[in-house]
C-alpha atoms as a PDB file:
ATOM      1  CA  MET A   1      34.840 -19.230 -38.692  1.00  0.00           C
ATOM      2  CA  SER A   2      32.039 -19.083 -41.215  1.00  0.00           C
ATOM      3  CA  ASP A   3      30.618 -15.919 -42.644  1.00  0.00           C
ATOM      4  CA  GLU A   4      27.209 -17.433 -42.609  1.00  0.00           C
ATOM      5  CA  ILE A   5      24.618 -15.696 -40.554  1.00  0.00           C
ATOM      6  CA  LYS A   6      22.521 -17.879 -38.340  1.00  0.00           C
ATOM      7  CA  ALA A   7      19.012 -17.109 -37.364  1.00  0.00           C
ATOM      8  CA  PRO A   8      18.462 -16.561 -33.725  1.00  0.00           C
ATOM      9  CA  LYS A   9      17.127 -19.365 -31.671  1.00  0.00           C
ATOM     10  CA  LYS A  10      13.599 -18.925 -30.528  1.00  0.00           C
ATOM     11  CA  MET A  11      13.489 -18.382 -26.926  1.00  0.00           C
ATOM     12  CA  GLY A  12      11.073 -20.248 -24.518  1.00  0.00           C
ATOM     13  CA  ARG A  13       9.314 -23.426 -25.008  1.00  0.00           C
ATOM     14  CA  PRO A  14       6.363 -23.973 -27.367  1.00  0.00           C
ATOM     15  CA  PRO A  15       2.838 -23.369 -26.139  1.00  0.00           C
ATOM     16  CA  SER A  16       1.721 -26.325 -23.874  1.00  0.00           C
ATOM     17  CA  PHE A  17      -1.575 -26.608 -25.719  1.00  0.00           C
ATOM     18  CA  THR A  18      -2.160 -26.967 -29.517  1.00  0.00           C
ATOM     19  CA  THR A  19      -5.870 -25.959 -29.479  1.00  0.00           C
ATOM     20  CA  ALA A  20      -8.218 -23.924 -27.384  1.00  0.00           C
ATOM     21  CA  GLU A  21     -10.410 -26.896 -26.945  1.00  0.00           C
ATOM     22  CA  GLU A  22      -7.452 -28.917 -25.320  1.00  0.00           C
ATOM     23  CA  LEU A  23      -6.838 -25.880 -23.010  1.00  0.00           C
ATOM     24  CA  TRP A  24     -10.546 -25.556 -22.031  1.00  0.00           C
ATOM     25  CA  ASN A  25     -10.658 -29.351 -21.189  1.00  0.00           C
ATOM     26  CA  MET A  26      -7.628 -28.935 -18.932  1.00  0.00           C
ATOM     27  CA  CYS A  27      -9.380 -26.052 -17.145  1.00  0.00           C
ATOM     28  CA  LEU A  28     -12.549 -28.085 -16.781  1.00  0.00           C
ATOM     29  CA  GLN A  29     -10.360 -30.761 -15.173  1.00  0.00           C
ATOM     30  CA  TYR A  30      -9.018 -28.345 -12.695  1.00  0.00           C
ATOM     31  CA  PHE A  31     -12.491 -26.847 -11.747  1.00  0.00           C
ATOM     32  CA  GLN A  32     -14.004 -30.284 -11.256  1.00  0.00           C
ATOM     33  CA  ALA A  33     -10.993 -31.550  -9.214  1.00  0.00           C
ATOM     34  CA  TRP A  34     -10.859 -28.531  -6.993  1.00  0.00           C
ATOM     35  CA  GLU A  35     -14.611 -28.198  -6.442  1.00  0.00           C
ATOM     36  CA  ALA A  36     -14.813 -32.015  -5.543  1.00  0.00           C
ATOM     37  CA  GLN A  37     -12.311 -31.259  -2.826  1.00  0.00           C
ATOM     38  CA  ASN A  38     -14.063 -27.905  -1.713  1.00  0.00           C
ATOM     39  CA  ARG A  39     -10.803 -26.089  -2.620  1.00  0.00           C
ATOM     40  CA  PRO A  40     -11.096 -22.366  -3.716  1.00  0.00           C
ATOM     41  CA  LEU A  41     -10.585 -21.763  -7.375  1.00  0.00           C
ATOM     42  CA  THR A  42      -7.849 -19.303  -8.244  1.00  0.00           C
ATOM     43  CA  VAL A  43      -5.919 -18.272 -11.367  1.00  0.00           C
ATOM     44  CA  VAL A  44      -2.683 -19.329  -9.677  1.00  0.00           C
ATOM     45  CA  GLY A  45      -4.056 -22.722  -8.817  1.00  0.00           C
ATOM     46  CA  LEU A  46      -5.128 -23.165 -12.386  1.00  0.00           C
ATOM     47  CA  THR A  47      -1.732 -22.067 -13.828  1.00  0.00           C
ATOM     48  CA  VAL A  48      -0.077 -24.675 -11.412  1.00  0.00           C
ATOM     49  CA  PHE A  49      -2.536 -27.360 -12.584  1.00  0.00           C
ATOM     50  CA  LEU A  50      -1.862 -26.365 -16.225  1.00  0.00           C
ATOM     51  CA  ASP A  51       2.003 -26.473 -15.643  1.00  0.00           C
ATOM     52  CA  ILE A  52       2.412 -22.941 -17.063  1.00  0.00           C
ATOM     53  CA  CYS A  53       3.468 -19.748 -15.161  1.00  0.00           C
ATOM     54  CA  ARG A  54       1.325 -16.978 -14.651  1.00  0.00           C
ATOM     55  CA  ASP A  55       3.037 -14.713 -17.275  1.00  0.00           C
ATOM     56  CA  THR A  56       2.395 -17.393 -19.856  1.00  0.00           C
ATOM     57  CA  PHE A  57      -1.286 -17.545 -18.770  1.00  0.00           C
ATOM     58  CA  ALA A  58      -1.520 -13.715 -19.115  1.00  0.00           C
ATOM     59  CA  GLU A  59       0.077 -13.849 -22.705  1.00  0.00           C
ATOM     60  CA  TYR A  60      -2.537 -16.613 -23.704  1.00  0.00           C
ATOM     61  CA  GLY A  61      -5.078 -14.221 -22.458  1.00  0.00           C
ATOM     62  CA  LYS A  62      -3.756 -11.246 -24.475  1.00  0.00           C
ATOM     63  CA  GLY A  63      -3.645 -13.451 -27.629  1.00  0.00           C
ATOM     64  CA  THR A  64       0.159 -13.674 -27.853  1.00  0.00           C
ATOM     65  CA  TYR A  65      -0.123 -17.399 -28.449  1.00  0.00           C
ATOM     66  CA  ASP A  66      -3.241 -17.388 -30.605  1.00  0.00           C
ATOM     67  CA  ARG A  67      -1.212 -18.478 -33.566  1.00  0.00           C
ATOM     68  CA  PRO A  68      -2.073 -22.213 -33.169  1.00  0.00           C
ATOM     69  CA  ASP A  69      -5.731 -21.414 -32.325  1.00  0.00           C
ATOM     70  CA  SER A  70      -7.508 -18.102 -32.395  1.00  0.00           C
ATOM     71  CA  ASP A  71      -9.652 -18.940 -29.575  1.00  0.00           C
ATOM     72  CA  PHE A  72      -6.868 -19.182 -26.952  1.00  0.00           C
ATOM     73  CA  SER A  73      -7.420 -15.614 -25.564  1.00  0.00           C
ATOM     74  CA  ASP A  74     -11.252 -16.325 -25.288  1.00  0.00           C
ATOM     75  CA  THR A  75     -10.654 -19.599 -23.558  1.00  0.00           C
ATOM     76  CA  ILE A  76      -8.419 -17.810 -20.858  1.00  0.00           C
ATOM     77  CA  LYS A  77     -11.064 -15.132 -20.322  1.00  0.00           C
ATOM     78  CA  LYS A  78     -13.774 -17.705 -20.036  1.00  0.00           C
ATOM     79  CA  ALA A  79     -11.623 -19.618 -17.462  1.00  0.00           C
ATOM     80  CA  LYS A  80     -10.955 -16.282 -15.576  1.00  0.00           C
ATOM     81  CA  ASP A  81     -14.693 -15.570 -15.637  1.00  0.00           C
ATOM     82  CA  TYR A  82     -15.520 -19.048 -14.290  1.00  0.00           C
ATOM     83  CA  ILE A  83     -13.174 -18.599 -11.324  1.00  0.00           C
ATOM     84  CA  GLU A  84     -14.469 -14.879 -10.699  1.00  0.00           C
ATOM     85  CA  CYS A  85     -18.147 -16.286 -10.650  1.00  0.00           C
ATOM     86  CA  SER A  86     -17.078 -18.878  -8.239  1.00  0.00           C
ATOM     87  CA  LYS A  87     -15.568 -16.350  -5.808  1.00  0.00           C
ATOM     88  CA  TRP A  88     -18.639 -13.993  -6.159  1.00  0.00           C
ATOM     89  CA  GLU A  89     -21.034 -16.905  -5.348  1.00  0.00           C
ATOM     90  CA  LYS A  90     -18.968 -17.989  -2.431  1.00  0.00           C
ATOM     91  CA  ALA A  91     -18.541 -14.413  -1.065  1.00  0.00           C
ATOM     92  CA  LEU A  92     -22.284 -13.733  -1.378  1.00  0.00           C
ATOM     93  CA  THR A  93     -23.375 -16.959   0.394  1.00  0.00           C
ATOM     94  CA  GLY A  94     -20.880 -16.394   3.304  1.00  0.00           C
ATOM     95  CA  GLU A  95     -18.690 -19.328   2.322  1.00  0.00           C
ATOM     96  CA  TYR A  96     -15.719 -16.760   2.062  1.00  0.00           C
ATOM     97  CA  LYS A  97     -14.889 -14.258   4.739  1.00  0.00           C
ATOM     98  CA  ALA A  98     -16.001 -10.970   3.601  1.00  0.00           C
ATOM     99  CA  ALA A  99     -12.583  -9.213   3.848  1.00  0.00           C
ATOM    100  CA  VAL A 100     -10.826 -11.974   2.026  1.00  0.00           C
ATOM    101  CA  ALA A 101     -13.426 -11.878  -0.854  1.00  0.00           C
ATOM    102  CA  ILE A 102     -13.279  -8.210  -1.134  1.00  0.00           C
ATOM    103  CA  PHE A 103      -9.581  -7.971  -1.272  1.00  0.00           C
ATOM    104  CA  ASP A 104      -9.369 -10.852  -3.864  1.00  0.00           C
ATOM    105  CA  LEU A 105     -12.144  -9.511  -6.097  1.00  0.00           C
ATOM    106  CA  LYS A 106     -10.753  -6.065  -6.083  1.00  0.00           C
ATOM    107  CA  ASN A 107      -7.056  -7.087  -6.749  1.00  0.00           C
ATOM    108  CA  ASN A 108      -7.604  -9.924  -9.049  1.00  0.00           C
ATOM    109  CA  HIS A 109     -10.913  -9.523 -10.920  1.00  0.00           C
ATOM    110  CA  GLY A 110     -11.426  -5.659 -11.366  1.00  0.00           C
ATOM    111  CA  ALA A 111     -14.032  -5.240  -8.681  1.00  0.00           C
ATOM    112  CA  ARG A 112     -13.961  -1.711  -7.202  1.00  0.00           C
ATOM    113  CA  ASP A 113     -15.963   0.556  -4.884  1.00  0.00           C
ATOM    114  CA  THR A 114     -17.701   3.522  -6.362  1.00  0.00           C
ATOM    115  CA  ILE A 115     -19.217   6.529  -4.768  1.00  0.00           C
ATOM    116  CA  GLU A 116     -21.800   8.506  -6.688  1.00  0.00           C
ATOM    117  CA  HIS A 117     -22.190  12.069  -5.514  1.00  0.00           C
ATOM    118  CA  VAL A 118     -25.649  13.535  -6.154  1.00  0.00           C
ATOM    119  CA  THR A 119     -27.173  16.639  -5.002  1.00  0.00           C
ATOM    120  CA  LYS A 120     -30.774  17.139  -3.701  1.00  0.00           C
ATOM    121  CA  GLY A 121     -31.768  18.125  -7.184  1.00  0.00           C
ATOM    122  CA  GLY A 122     -30.582  14.914  -8.531  1.00  0.00           C
ATOM    123  CA  GLU A 123     -27.695  16.344 -10.387  1.00  0.00           C
ATOM    124  CA  ALA A 124     -24.402  14.481 -10.216  1.00  0.00           C
ATOM    125  CA  LEU A 125     -21.453  16.638  -8.958  1.00  0.00           C
ATOM    126  CA  THR A 126     -18.441  16.836 -11.274  1.00  0.00           C
ATOM    127  CA  GLN A 127     -15.972  17.035  -8.266  1.00  0.00           C
ATOM    128  CA  PRO A 128     -16.527  15.191  -5.089  1.00  0.00           C
ATOM    129  CA  GLN A 129     -16.909  17.711  -2.223  1.00  0.00           C
ATOM    130  CA  THR A 130     -15.105  17.547   1.053  1.00  0.00           C
ATOM    131  CA  ILE A 131     -17.408  18.234   4.084  1.00  0.00           C
ATOM    132  CA  ILE A 132     -15.787  18.994   7.410  1.00  0.00           C
ATOM    133  CA  VAL A 133     -17.861  17.743  10.338  1.00  0.00           C
ATOM    134  CA  THR A 134     -17.118  19.338  13.599  1.00  0.00           C
ATOM    135  CA  GLU A 135     -18.562  18.477  17.065  1.00  0.00           C
ATOM    136  CA  SER A 136     -20.823  21.467  17.048  1.00  0.00           C
ATOM    137  CA  THR A 137     -22.265  20.442  13.641  1.00  0.00           C
ATOM    138  CA  ILE A 138     -23.022  16.978  15.040  1.00  0.00           C
ATOM    139  CA  LYS A 139     -24.660  18.450  18.119  1.00  0.00           C
ATOM    140  CA  SER A 140     -26.671  20.713  16.067  1.00  0.00           C
ATOM    141  CA  VAL A 141     -27.975  17.923  13.891  1.00  0.00           C
ATOM    142  CA  VAL A 142     -28.777  15.661  16.748  1.00  0.00           C
ATOM    143  CA  LYS A 143     -30.804  18.605  18.522  1.00  0.00           C
ATOM    144  CA  GLN A 144     -32.691  19.255  15.265  1.00  0.00           C
ATOM    145  CA  THR A 145     -33.423  15.459  14.941  1.00  0.00           C
ATOM    146  CA  GLN A 146     -34.531  15.307  18.485  1.00  0.00           C
ATOM    147  CA  ASP A 147     -36.806  18.327  18.031  1.00  0.00           C
ATOM    148  CA  GLU A 148     -38.437  16.794  14.988  1.00  0.00           C
ATOM    149  CA  PHE A 149     -39.507  13.838  17.205  1.00  0.00           C
END
């Protein structure tokens, strides 16, 4: 047995792309092929097309693999923006069902519902207020509305 210390082997395979331009060209091929077939663009579909796993794609996006080319993370962000833009456009034109589009955009692209609470004076509330509506309150408001007309 030798007393020589060996360097640990590097785990995982090397990046599939050597430059961000090569990666972007592959993304464009995916976009063009899927759009020609009227298929929805997805991050998962892109990773399958690129023959990388979603974790690797995420690492590219974080800049973990930027050593060969410092533009990798920007390229991934640009690809994700392209996919998100496609989804928004198809959701807004009715090509996607609203519920599916809402779910996907919220869970995969950072879209979210916001509620702004504003008083009659125009000042924003610091804490949302809970209003309890009872049957008598509803009847009172309905009667008041009818009286006004």
